[in-house]
Amino acid sequence: MKKKTEHELAHSIDQVERRIEVRRARLQRHAGEVADATREWAKPLPLLGAAAVAVVGFLLSRGRAAPSVRRYESVARPGLIAALAGLAQIALRLAASPLIRAGWNRYVSRGRP
């Protein structure tokens, strides 16, 4: 095996360092692309989670009536229209809430580049 000269050795080291830098740049670019794609995919998740919690809470609240409300069950007769009206009322209350409006404004402002 022939010994490399100092110049050849320096050239080999430079090539290895160049390959490492190319790989590092490629990895950083791919990591950035994955982060951007994940961020775009996850944007609606908080709002969907809040809506799901509201729906589950509404459905659970309809499960059992309180003792003071039971005498009015025959008058109320909850149905699909009443459930939709309740969901609309929840949505209106949430939309009018200053905390939700501030969160929505922050969410919208973050989404724009």
Protein backbone atom coordinates (compact mmCIF):
# COMPACT_ATOMS: atom_id res chain seq x y z
CA MET A 1 0.00 0.00 0.00
CA LYS A 2 1.38 3.32 -1.09
CA LYS A 3 1.55 6.15 1.42
CA LYS A 4 -0.33 9.27 0.46
CA THR A 5 1.50 12.50 0.21
CA GLU A 6 0.51 15.40 2.38
CA HIS A 7 -1.24 17.08 -0.55
CA GLU A 8 -3.24 13.94 -1.43
CA LEU A 9 -4.20 13.46 2.19
CA ALA A 10 -5.39 17.06 2.50
CA HIS A 11 -7.37 16.65 -0.73
CA SER A 12 -9.01 13.45 0.59
CA ILE A 13 -9.90 15.18 3.85
CA ASP A 14 -11.38 18.11 1.93
CA GLN A 15 -13.54 15.74 -0.12
CA VAL A 16 -14.82 13.99 3.00
CA GLU A 17 -15.58 17.33 4.68
CA ARG A 18 -17.39 18.53 1.54
CA ARG A 19 -19.53 15.35 1.49
CA ILE A 20 -20.34 15.81 5.18
CA GLU A 21 -21.41 19.42 4.55
CA VAL A 22 -23.59 18.37 1.60
CA ARG A 23 -25.26 15.69 3.74
CA ARG A 24 -25.74 18.13 6.62
CA ALA A 25 -27.34 20.70 4.32
CA ARG A 26 -29.60 18.02 2.80
CA LEU A 27 -30.67 16.81 6.25
CA GLN A 28 -31.42 20.36 7.38
CA ARG A 29 -33.45 21.00 4.22
CA HIS A 30 -35.43 17.77 4.66
CA ALA A 31 -36.02 18.50 8.35
CA GLY A 32 -37.31 21.96 7.44
CA GLU A 33 -39.63 20.53 4.80
CA VAL A 34 -41.00 17.95 7.25
CA ALA A 35 -41.51 20.63 9.91
CA ASP A 36 -43.36 22.86 7.43
CA ALA A 37 -45.56 20.01 6.20
CA THR A 38 -46.37 18.95 9.77
CA ARG A 39 -47.17 22.54 10.74
CA GLU A 40 -49.55 22.90 7.79
CA TRP A 41 -51.21 19.58 8.57
CA ALA A 42 -51.66 20.39 12.26
CA LYS A 43 -53.11 23.91 11.84
CA PRO A 44 -56.81 22.94 12.17
CA LEU A 45 -56.28 20.41 14.99
CA PRO A 46 -56.82 22.80 17.94
CA LEU A 47 -60.10 24.05 16.47
CA LEU A 48 -61.25 20.52 15.67
CA GLY A 49 -60.36 19.45 19.20
CA ALA A 50 -62.35 22.32 20.72
CA ALA A 51 -65.35 21.50 18.51
CA ALA A 52 -65.13 17.82 19.43
CA VAL A 53 -65.04 18.65 23.14
CA ALA A 54 -68.08 20.93 22.74
CA VAL A 55 -70.02 18.20 20.92
CA VAL A 56 -69.06 15.52 23.45
CA GLY A 57 -69.96 17.82 26.34
CA PHE A 58 -73.29 18.63 24.77
CA LEU A 59 -74.09 14.97 24.13
CA LEU A 60 -73.07 13.97 27.64
CA SER A 61 -75.17 16.73 29.14
CA ARG A 62 -78.24 15.34 27.38
CA GLY A 63 -77.70 11.90 28.93
CA ARG A 64 -79.38 12.46 32.28
CA ALA A 65 -81.58 15.27 33.40
CA ALA A 66 -81.25 16.81 36.84
CA PRO A 67 -84.07 15.95 39.31
CA SER A 68 -85.55 19.46 39.10
CA VAL A 69 -85.70 19.27 35.31
CA ARG A 70 -87.27 15.80 35.08
CA ARG A 71 -90.80 17.05 35.59
CA TYR A 72 -90.47 19.14 32.41
CA GLU A 73 -89.24 16.28 30.19
CA SER A 74 -92.71 15.58 28.89
CA VAL A 75 -93.03 19.21 27.82
CA ALA A 76 -89.56 19.58 26.29
CA ARG A 77 -89.33 16.33 24.26
CA PRO A 78 -85.78 16.87 23.04
CA GLY A 79 -85.20 15.91 19.44
CA LEU A 80 -82.89 16.61 16.55
CA ILE A 81 -84.00 20.22 16.18
CA ALA A 82 -83.43 20.84 19.89
CA ALA A 83 -79.97 19.25 19.66
CA LEU A 84 -79.07 21.45 16.68
CA ALA A 85 -80.39 24.51 18.47
CA GLY A 86 -78.25 23.62 21.48
CA LEU A 87 -75.16 23.22 19.31
CA ALA A 88 -75.87 26.55 17.63
CA GLN A 89 -76.22 28.16 21.06
CA ILE A 90 -72.89 26.69 22.19
CA ALA A 91 -71.21 27.89 18.99
CA LEU A 92 -72.66 31.38 19.44
CA ARG A 93 -71.51 31.54 23.07
CA LEU A 94 -68.03 30.41 22.10
CA ALA A 95 -67.85 32.86 19.20
CA ALA A 96 -68.89 35.72 21.48
CA SER A 97 -66.36 34.81 24.16
CA PRO A 98 -63.48 37.32 24.35
CA LEU A 99 -61.03 34.53 25.17
CA ILE A 100 -62.02 32.51 22.10
CA ARG A 101 -61.96 35.61 19.89
CA ALA A 102 -58.48 36.52 21.11
CA GLY A 103 -57.30 32.96 20.51
CA TRP A 104 -58.84 32.91 17.05
CA ASN A 105 -57.21 36.24 16.14
CA ARG A 106 -53.85 34.92 17.31
CA TYR A 107 -54.36 31.69 15.36
CA VAL A 108 -55.25 33.58 12.19
CA SER A 109 -52.36 36.00 12.51
CA ARG A 110 -49.86 33.15 13.02
CA GLY A 111 -51.13 31.34 9.94
CA ARG A 112 -50.24 34.16 7.58
CA PRO A 113 -46.58 34.48 6.52
